[in-house]
Amino acid sequence: MARKPSNFEWIGFTKGQLELLDFLDFLGNNGWDRNGQTEELMPKLLADCAKEGLSIDQVMKAMMSIGYDRRAVHQIRRWESKRLTGKLGK
């Protein structure tokens, strides 16, 4: 688990994008593993990210920039698969 340090600022994002990234960071307290909370929230959150113009790669890069490891960030890609196809990716 990683969390954005209080003095860290992502650069080059809109206010709306930053709010979504902050919430995604908050949900990352379990590495975005599959559970009732992530099952309900992650597909909608990633859809909101896409609506705000954030690509999945931008989202993953932002989370890696604050210390999430590859395994945790891979979970985000799995949730993006769920959002797009209805099935959690591998």
C-alpha atoms as a PDB file:
ATOM      1  CA  MET A   1       0.000   0.000   0.000  1.00  0.00           C
ATOM      2  CA  ALA A   2       1.091   3.510  -0.757  1.00  0.00           C
ATOM      3  CA  ARG A   3      -0.567   6.817  -0.115  1.00  0.00           C
ATOM      4  CA  LYS A   4       0.098  10.193  -1.650  1.00  0.00           C
ATOM      5  CA  PRO A   5       2.314  12.216   0.686  1.00  0.00           C
ATOM      6  CA  SER A   6       0.542  15.320   1.975  1.00  0.00           C
ATOM      7  CA  ASN A   7       3.072  17.620   0.300  1.00  0.00           C
ATOM      8  CA  PHE A   8       2.911  15.864  -3.107  1.00  0.00           C
ATOM      9  CA  GLU A   9       1.146  17.481  -6.064  1.00  0.00           C
ATOM     10  CA  TRP A  10       0.405  15.930  -9.420  1.00  0.00           C
ATOM     11  CA  ILE A  11       1.192  18.415 -12.194  1.00  0.00           C
ATOM     12  CA  GLY A  12      -0.722  18.832 -15.445  1.00  0.00           C
ATOM     13  CA  PHE A  13      -4.156  17.648 -14.338  1.00  0.00           C
ATOM     14  CA  THR A  14      -7.436  19.519 -14.031  1.00  0.00           C
ATOM     15  CA  LYS A  15      -9.134  19.986 -10.671  1.00  0.00           C
ATOM     16  CA  GLY A  16     -11.666  17.288 -11.562  1.00  0.00           C
ATOM     17  CA  GLN A  17      -8.931  14.867 -12.571  1.00  0.00           C
ATOM     18  CA  LEU A  18      -7.042  15.539  -9.346  1.00  0.00           C
ATOM     19  CA  GLU A  19     -10.140  14.798  -7.275  1.00  0.00           C
ATOM     20  CA  LEU A  20     -10.582  11.475  -9.083  1.00  0.00           C
ATOM     21  CA  LEU A  21      -6.905  10.565  -8.623  1.00  0.00           C
ATOM     22  CA  ASP A  22      -7.135  11.424  -4.923  1.00  0.00           C
ATOM     23  CA  PHE A  23     -10.190   9.189  -4.508  1.00  0.00           C
ATOM     24  CA  LEU A  24      -8.484   6.385  -6.411  1.00  0.00           C
ATOM     25  CA  ASP A  25      -5.503   6.740  -4.073  1.00  0.00           C
ATOM     26  CA  PHE A  26      -7.887   6.542  -1.112  1.00  0.00           C
ATOM     27  CA  LEU A  27      -9.402   3.319  -2.480  1.00  0.00           C
ATOM     28  CA  GLY A  28      -5.907   1.941  -3.026  1.00  0.00           C
ATOM     29  CA  ASN A  29      -5.534   1.230   0.679  1.00  0.00           C
ATOM     30  CA  ASN A  30      -5.983  -2.457  -0.198  1.00  0.00           C
ATOM     31  CA  GLY A  31      -4.120  -2.366  -3.487  1.00  0.00           C
ATOM     32  CA  TRP A  32      -7.451  -2.317  -5.344  1.00  0.00           C
ATOM     33  CA  ASP A  33      -7.931  -6.029  -4.656  1.00  0.00           C
ATOM     34  CA  ARG A  34     -11.360  -7.396  -5.451  1.00  0.00           C
ATOM     35  CA  ASN A  35     -13.873  -6.945  -2.645  1.00  0.00           C
ATOM     36  CA  GLY A  36     -17.364  -5.559  -2.224  1.00  0.00           C
ATOM     37  CA  GLN A  37     -16.149  -1.959  -2.117  1.00  0.00           C
ATOM     38  CA  THR A  38     -13.960  -2.137  -5.214  1.00  0.00           C
ATOM     39  CA  GLU A  39     -16.549  -4.224  -7.073  1.00  0.00           C
ATOM     40  CA  GLU A  40     -19.034  -1.403  -6.612  1.00  0.00           C
ATOM     41  CA  LEU A  41     -16.780   1.634  -6.956  1.00  0.00           C
ATOM     42  CA  MET A  42     -13.911   0.907  -9.343  1.00  0.00           C
ATOM     43  CA  PRO A  43     -15.783   0.519 -12.659  1.00  0.00           C
ATOM     44  CA  LYS A  44     -17.715   3.742 -12.013  1.00  0.00           C
ATOM     45  CA  LEU A  45     -14.605   5.603 -10.854  1.00  0.00           C
ATOM     46  CA  LEU A  46     -12.641   4.554 -13.929  1.00  0.00           C
ATOM     47  CA  ALA A  47     -15.576   5.574 -16.135  1.00  0.00           C
ATOM     48  CA  ASP A  48     -15.505   8.983 -14.436  1.00  0.00           C
ATOM     49  CA  CYS A  49     -11.758   9.179 -15.096  1.00  0.00           C
ATOM     50  CA  ALA A  50     -12.337   8.451 -18.785  1.00  0.00           C
ATOM     51  CA  LYS A  51     -15.080  11.114 -18.936  1.00  0.00           C
ATOM     52  CA  GLU A  52     -12.612  13.617 -17.445  1.00  0.00           C
ATOM     53  CA  GLY A  53     -10.081  12.764 -20.158  1.00  0.00           C
ATOM     54  CA  LEU A  54      -7.766  10.518 -18.120  1.00  0.00           C
ATOM     55  CA  SER A  55      -6.450   7.472 -19.934  1.00  0.00           C
ATOM     56  CA  ILE A  56      -5.853   4.277 -17.993  1.00  0.00           C
ATOM     57  CA  ASP A  57      -2.126   4.726 -18.628  1.00  0.00           C
ATOM     58  CA  GLN A  58      -2.211   8.218 -17.108  1.00  0.00           C
ATOM     59  CA  VAL A  59      -4.057   6.866 -14.081  1.00  0.00           C
ATOM     60  CA  MET A  60      -1.573   4.031 -13.612  1.00  0.00           C
ATOM     61  CA  LYS A  61       1.416   6.343 -14.051  1.00  0.00           C
ATOM     62  CA  ALA A  62      -0.021   8.777 -11.477  1.00  0.00           C
ATOM     63  CA  MET A  63      -0.439   5.968  -8.936  1.00  0.00           C
ATOM     64  CA  MET A  64       3.090   4.659  -9.579  1.00  0.00           C
ATOM     65  CA  SER A  65       4.446   8.182  -9.095  1.00  0.00           C
ATOM     66  CA  ILE A  66       3.284   8.114  -5.468  1.00  0.00           C
ATOM     67  CA  GLY A  67       4.697   4.692  -4.696  1.00  0.00           C
ATOM     68  CA  TYR A  68       2.187   2.018  -5.693  1.00  0.00           C
ATOM     69  CA  ASP A  69       4.005  -1.032  -7.036  1.00  0.00           C
ATOM     70  CA  ARG A  70       3.401  -2.798 -10.352  1.00  0.00           C
ATOM     71  CA  ARG A  71       1.211  -5.498  -8.776  1.00  0.00           C
ATOM     72  CA  ALA A  72      -1.109  -2.949  -7.229  1.00  0.00           C
ATOM     73  CA  VAL A  73      -1.261  -0.803 -10.350  1.00  0.00           C
ATOM     74  CA  HIS A  74      -1.961  -3.913 -12.449  1.00  0.00           C
ATOM     75  CA  GLN A  75      -5.195  -4.220 -10.455  1.00  0.00           C
ATOM     76  CA  ILE A  76      -6.322  -0.901 -11.938  1.00  0.00           C
ATOM     77  CA  ARG A  77      -5.919  -2.338 -15.436  1.00  0.00           C
ATOM     78  CA  ARG A  78      -7.962  -5.378 -14.346  1.00  0.00           C
ATOM     79  CA  TRP A  79     -10.737  -3.068 -13.165  1.00  0.00           C
ATOM     80  CA  GLU A  80     -10.605  -1.184 -16.465  1.00  0.00           C
ATOM     81  CA  SER A  81     -11.197  -4.517 -18.199  1.00  0.00           C
ATOM     82  CA  LYS A  82     -14.222  -5.061 -15.946  1.00  0.00           C
ATOM     83  CA  ARG A  83     -15.526  -1.629 -16.856  1.00  0.00           C
ATOM     84  CA  LEU A  84     -15.108  -2.208 -20.585  1.00  0.00           C
ATOM     85  CA  THR A  85     -16.022  -5.894 -20.934  1.00  0.00           C
ATOM     86  CA  GLY A  86     -17.917  -6.787 -17.777  1.00  0.00           C
ATOM     87  CA  LYS A  87     -15.191  -9.261 -16.815  1.00  0.00           C
ATOM     88  CA  LEU A  88     -12.312  -8.677 -14.424  1.00  0.00           C
ATOM     89  CA  GLY A  89      -9.060  -8.946 -16.387  1.00  0.00           C
ATOM     90  CA  LYS A  90      -6.166 -11.216 -15.584  1.00  0.00           C
END
